[in-house]
């Protein structure tokens, strides 16, 4: 009984991940073309949801894009041709993995640049603090305390 409850609970947690937004009327009768369409749908971004593939999105535009992918495949396009057609129509942003090119350098290399700038600022701050502490002269009270502490240590 306990095992059955565990299986039911796991299936409830995993069920939303298994559900896709593809509607039955979108599915192609040819399993090979449908598999290709699903594969391409995972590479395309929903322009409404933005961080979801069109395969996972319930947005109307995502549905239109899924249908467009299937139409291109049925028309005889290769996967690359279908993606290129959609990219030309909607821009590089529609691709979940946009190409590395001059217009996307900041997208690809910006995070690395931010990390290096952060490390540089940390090192600069640490170096300034060390210099500031080393260059600060002792006042008379600190000098007296230091001298007495050193004298006590040498007496022991």
C-alpha atoms as a PDB file:
ATOM      1  CA  UNK A   1       0.000   0.000   0.000  1.00  0.00           C
ATOM      2  CA  UNK A   2       2.811   2.372   0.899  1.00  0.00           C
ATOM      3  CA  UNK A   3       4.556   1.702  -2.444  1.00  0.00           C
ATOM      4  CA  UNK A   4       1.355   2.474  -4.343  1.00  0.00           C
ATOM      5  CA  UNK A   5       0.993   5.810  -2.566  1.00  0.00           C
ATOM      6  CA  UNK A   6       4.621   6.632  -3.382  1.00  0.00           C
ATOM      7  CA  UNK A   7       4.116   5.827  -7.063  1.00  0.00           C
ATOM      8  CA  UNK A   8       0.948   7.935  -7.191  1.00  0.00           C
ATOM      9  CA  UNK A   9       2.671  10.880  -5.519  1.00  0.00           C
ATOM     10  CA  UNK A  10       5.632  10.687  -7.916  1.00  0.00           C
ATOM     11  CA  UNK A  11       3.330  10.498 -10.910  1.00  0.00           C
ATOM     12  CA  UNK A  12       1.472  13.606  -9.704  1.00  0.00           C
ATOM     13  CA  UNK A  13       4.741  15.520  -9.404  1.00  0.00           C
ATOM     14  CA  UNK A  14       6.105  14.335 -12.745  1.00  0.00           C
ATOM     15  CA  UNK A  15       2.894  14.594 -14.786  1.00  0.00           C
ATOM     16  CA  UNK A  16       3.167  18.358 -15.466  1.00  0.00           C
ATOM     17  CA  UNK A  17       6.656  17.825 -16.890  1.00  0.00           C
ATOM     18  CA  UNK A  18       5.393  15.197 -19.286  1.00  0.00           C
ATOM     19  CA  UNK A  19       2.556  17.323 -20.626  1.00  0.00           C
ATOM     20  CA  UNK A  20       3.410  19.321 -23.718  1.00  0.00           C
ATOM     21  CA  UNK A  21       1.413  22.091 -25.291  1.00  0.00           C
ATOM     22  CA  UNK A  22       1.121  20.369 -28.671  1.00  0.00           C
ATOM     23  CA  UNK A  23      -2.547  19.856 -29.426  1.00  0.00           C
ATOM     24  CA  UNK A  24      -3.850  16.698 -31.113  1.00  0.00           C
ATOM     25  CA  UNK A  25      -4.871  18.578 -34.272  1.00  0.00           C
ATOM     26  CA  UNK A  26      -1.254  19.749 -34.737  1.00  0.00           C
ATOM     27  CA  UNK A  27       0.309  16.284 -34.661  1.00  0.00           C
ATOM     28  CA  UNK A  28       1.434  14.959 -38.035  1.00  0.00           C
ATOM     29  CA  UNK A  29       0.375  11.483 -39.172  1.00  0.00           C
ATOM     30  CA  UNK A  30       3.961  10.623 -40.208  1.00  0.00           C
ATOM     31  CA  UNK A  31       5.838   9.691 -36.979  1.00  0.00           C
ATOM     32  CA  UNK A  32       9.205  10.586 -38.543  1.00  0.00           C
ATOM     33  CA  UNK A  33       8.084  14.094 -39.474  1.00  0.00           C
ATOM     34  CA  UNK A  34       6.409  14.529 -36.096  1.00  0.00           C
ATOM     35  CA  UNK A  35       9.639  13.562 -34.302  1.00  0.00           C
ATOM     36  CA  UNK A  36      11.553  16.107 -36.407  1.00  0.00           C
ATOM     37  CA  UNK A  37       8.904  18.753 -35.698  1.00  0.00           C
ATOM     38  CA  UNK A  38       9.150  18.086 -31.952  1.00  0.00           C
ATOM     39  CA  UNK A  39      12.925  18.294 -32.115  1.00  0.00           C
ATOM     40  CA  UNK A  40      12.767  21.635 -33.939  1.00  0.00           C
ATOM     41  CA  UNK A  41      10.098  22.922 -31.551  1.00  0.00           C
ATOM     42  CA  UNK A  42      12.508  22.430 -28.658  1.00  0.00           C
ATOM     43  CA  UNK A  43      15.015  24.731 -30.390  1.00  0.00           C
ATOM     44  CA  UNK A  44      12.578  27.609 -30.884  1.00  0.00           C
ATOM     45  CA  UNK A  45      11.681  30.167 -28.212  1.00  0.00           C
ATOM     46  CA  UNK A  46       8.117  31.208 -27.550  1.00  0.00           C
ATOM     47  CA  UNK A  47       8.155  34.938 -28.249  1.00  0.00           C
ATOM     48  CA  UNK A  48       5.400  35.491 -25.693  1.00  0.00           C
ATOM     49  CA  UNK A  49       6.789  33.370 -22.832  1.00  0.00           C
ATOM     50  CA  UNK A  50      10.418  34.052 -23.861  1.00  0.00           C
ATOM     51  CA  UNK A  51      12.186  31.369 -21.818  1.00  0.00           C
ATOM     52  CA  UNK A  52      10.036  28.483 -22.914  1.00  0.00           C
ATOM     53  CA  UNK A  53      10.246  26.452 -26.071  1.00  0.00           C
ATOM     54  CA  UNK A  54       7.278  26.545 -28.413  1.00  0.00           C
ATOM     55  CA  UNK A  55       6.787  22.852 -27.643  1.00  0.00           C
ATOM     56  CA  UNK A  56       6.109  23.723 -23.987  1.00  0.00           C
ATOM     57  CA  UNK A  57       4.119  26.931 -24.463  1.00  0.00           C
ATOM     58  CA  UNK A  58       0.351  27.285 -24.640  1.00  0.00           C
ATOM     59  CA  UNK A  59       0.561  30.774 -26.186  1.00  0.00           C
ATOM     60  CA  UNK A  60      -1.266  31.315 -29.464  1.00  0.00           C
ATOM     61  CA  UNK A  61       1.915  32.491 -31.204  1.00  0.00           C
ATOM     62  CA  UNK A  62       3.717  29.324 -30.094  1.00  0.00           C
ATOM     63  CA  UNK A  63       0.910  27.275 -31.625  1.00  0.00           C
ATOM     64  CA  UNK A  64       1.277  29.234 -34.873  1.00  0.00           C
ATOM     65  CA  UNK A  65       5.014  28.572 -34.874  1.00  0.00           C
ATOM     66  CA  UNK A  66       4.490  24.839 -34.230  1.00  0.00           C
ATOM     67  CA  UNK A  67       2.078  24.703 -37.173  1.00  0.00           C
ATOM     68  CA  UNK A  68       4.532  26.657 -39.348  1.00  0.00           C
ATOM     69  CA  UNK A  69       7.335  24.200 -38.497  1.00  0.00           C
ATOM     70  CA  UNK A  70       5.116  21.289 -39.452  1.00  0.00           C
ATOM     71  CA  UNK A  71       4.028  22.983 -42.693  1.00  0.00           C
ATOM     72  CA  UNK A  72       7.660  23.560 -43.682  1.00  0.00           C
ATOM     73  CA  UNK A  73       8.574  19.935 -42.952  1.00  0.00           C
ATOM     74  CA  UNK A  74       5.583  18.613 -44.911  1.00  0.00           C
ATOM     75  CA  UNK A  75       6.613  20.901 -47.802  1.00  0.00           C
ATOM     76  CA  UNK A  76       9.958  19.078 -47.883  1.00  0.00           C
ATOM     77  CA  UNK A  77      12.259  21.471 -46.035  1.00  0.00           C
ATOM     78  CA  UNK A  78      15.215  20.065 -44.136  1.00  0.00           C
ATOM     79  CA  UNK A  79      15.456  20.865 -40.441  1.00  0.00           C
ATOM     80  CA  UNK A  80      18.026  23.583 -41.165  1.00  0.00           C
ATOM     81  CA  UNK A  81      15.847  25.136 -43.884  1.00  0.00           C
ATOM     82  CA  UNK A  82      12.791  25.188 -41.628  1.00  0.00           C
ATOM     83  CA  UNK A  83      14.758  26.832 -38.805  1.00  0.00           C
ATOM     84  CA  UNK A  84      16.298  29.345 -41.218  1.00  0.00           C
ATOM     85  CA  UNK A  85      12.865  30.273 -42.588  1.00  0.00           C
ATOM     86  CA  UNK A  86      11.544  30.957 -39.096  1.00  0.00           C
ATOM     87  CA  UNK A  87      14.736  32.791 -38.079  1.00  0.00           C
ATOM     88  CA  UNK A  88      14.492  35.085 -41.115  1.00  0.00           C
ATOM     89  CA  UNK A  89      10.874  35.803 -40.314  1.00  0.00           C
ATOM     90  CA  UNK A  90      11.227  36.378 -36.547  1.00  0.00           C
ATOM     91  CA  UNK A  91      14.948  37.145 -36.050  1.00  0.00           C
ATOM     92  CA  UNK A  92      17.666  35.423 -34.016  1.00  0.00           C
ATOM     93  CA  UNK A  93      15.714  35.928 -30.791  1.00  0.00           C
ATOM     94  CA  UNK A  94      13.343  33.105 -31.768  1.00  0.00           C
ATOM     95  CA  UNK A  95      16.214  30.607 -31.421  1.00  0.00           C
ATOM     96  CA  UNK A  96      16.798  29.266 -27.916  1.00  0.00           C
ATOM     97  CA  UNK A  97      20.521  29.019 -28.802  1.00  0.00           C
ATOM     98  CA  UNK A  98      21.204  32.080 -30.943  1.00  0.00           C
ATOM     99  CA  UNK A  99      24.322  31.946 -33.141  1.00  0.00           C
ATOM    100  CA  UNK A 100      27.563  33.590 -32.038  1.00  0.00           C
ATOM    101  CA  UNK A 101      27.891  36.628 -34.275  1.00  0.00           C
ATOM    102  CA  UNK A 102      28.729  40.278 -33.868  1.00  0.00           C
ATOM    103  CA  UNK A 103      25.201  41.244 -32.832  1.00  0.00           C
ATOM    104  CA  UNK A 104      25.114  38.573 -30.087  1.00  0.00           C
ATOM    105  CA  UNK A 105      28.621  38.999 -28.626  1.00  0.00           C
ATOM    106  CA  UNK A 106      27.269  40.778 -25.534  1.00  0.00           C
ATOM    107  CA  UNK A 107      24.814  37.929 -24.980  1.00  0.00           C
ATOM    108  CA  UNK A 108      27.510  35.254 -25.182  1.00  0.00           C
ATOM    109  CA  UNK A 109      30.512  37.037 -23.681  1.00  0.00           C
ATOM    110  CA  UNK A 110      28.841  39.581 -21.386  1.00  0.00           C
ATOM    111  CA  UNK A 111      28.561  37.245 -18.367  1.00  0.00           C
ATOM    112  CA  UNK A 112      32.250  36.299 -18.643  1.00  0.00           C
ATOM    113  CA  UNK A 113      33.182  39.971 -18.853  1.00  0.00           C
ATOM    114  CA  UNK A 114      31.082  40.742 -15.768  1.00  0.00           C
ATOM    115  CA  UNK A 115      32.839  37.968 -13.800  1.00  0.00           C
ATOM    116  CA  UNK A 116      36.291  39.274 -14.757  1.00  0.00           C
ATOM    117  CA  UNK A 117      35.335  42.861 -13.896  1.00  0.00           C
ATOM    118  CA  UNK A 118      34.004  41.651 -10.521  1.00  0.00           C
ATOM    119  CA  UNK A 119      37.203  39.734  -9.756  1.00  0.00           C
ATOM    120  CA  UNK A 120      39.263  42.773 -10.772  1.00  0.00           C
ATOM    121  CA  UNK A 121      37.241  45.055  -8.487  1.00  0.00           C
ATOM    122  CA  UNK A 122      37.619  42.609  -5.586  1.00  0.00           C
ATOM    123  CA  UNK A 123      41.389  42.430  -6.051  1.00  0.00           C
ATOM    124  CA  UNK A 124      41.619  46.209  -6.313  1.00  0.00           C
ATOM    125  CA  UNK A 125      39.578  46.648  -3.129  1.00  0.00           C
ATOM    126  CA  UNK A 126      41.691  44.128  -1.192  1.00  0.00           C
ATOM    127  CA  UNK A 127      44.915  45.750  -2.409  1.00  0.00           C
ATOM    128  CA  UNK A 128      43.679  49.224  -1.415  1.00  0.00           C
ATOM    129  CA  UNK A 129      42.702  48.012   2.074  1.00  0.00           C
ATOM    130  CA  UNK A 130      46.120  46.396   2.600  1.00  0.00           C
ATOM    131  CA  UNK A 131      47.840  49.570   1.440  1.00  0.00           C
ATOM    132  CA  UNK A 132      45.606  51.755   3.590  1.00  0.00           C
ATOM    133  CA  UNK A 133      46.279  49.668   6.712  1.00  0.00           C
ATOM    134  CA  UNK A 134      50.045  49.510   6.059  1.00  0.00           C
ATOM    135  CA  UNK A 135      50.366  53.250   5.415  1.00  0.00           C
ATOM    136  CA  UNK A 136      48.395  54.427   8.463  1.00  0.00           C
ATOM    137  CA  UNK A 137      50.820  55.551  11.220  1.00  0.00           C
ATOM    138  CA  UNK A 138      50.150  54.601  14.822  1.00  0.00           C
ATOM    139  CA  UNK A 139      48.912  57.297  17.159  1.00  0.00           C
ATOM    140  CA  UNK A 140      50.562  57.781  20.571  1.00  0.00           C
ATOM    141  CA  UNK A 141      48.083  55.582  22.463  1.00  0.00           C
ATOM    142  CA  UNK A 142      48.482  52.701  19.974  1.00  0.00           C
ATOM    143  CA  UNK A 143      52.266  53.040  20.017  1.00  0.00           C
ATOM    144  CA  UNK A 144      52.303  52.902  23.842  1.00  0.00           C
ATOM    145  CA  UNK A 145      50.033  49.818  23.903  1.00  0.00           C
ATOM    146  CA  UNK A 146      52.150  48.078  21.270  1.00  0.00           C
ATOM    147  CA  UNK A 147      55.378  48.834  23.126  1.00  0.00           C
ATOM    148  CA  UNK A 148      53.970  47.536  26.433  1.00  0.00           C
ATOM    149  CA  UNK A 149      52.642  44.359  24.724  1.00  0.00           C
ATOM    150  CA  UNK A 150      56.023  43.709  23.113  1.00  0.00           C
ATOM    151  CA  UNK A 151      57.812  44.306  26.428  1.00  0.00           C
ATOM    152  CA  UNK A 152      55.502  41.838  28.188  1.00  0.00           C
ATOM    153  CA  UNK A 153      56.200  39.179  25.582  1.00  0.00           C
ATOM    154  CA  UNK A 154      59.942  39.636  25.837  1.00  0.00           C
ATOM    155  CA  UNK A 155      59.754  39.380  29.684  1.00  0.00           C
ATOM    156  CA  UNK A 156      57.968  36.016  29.527  1.00  0.00           C
END
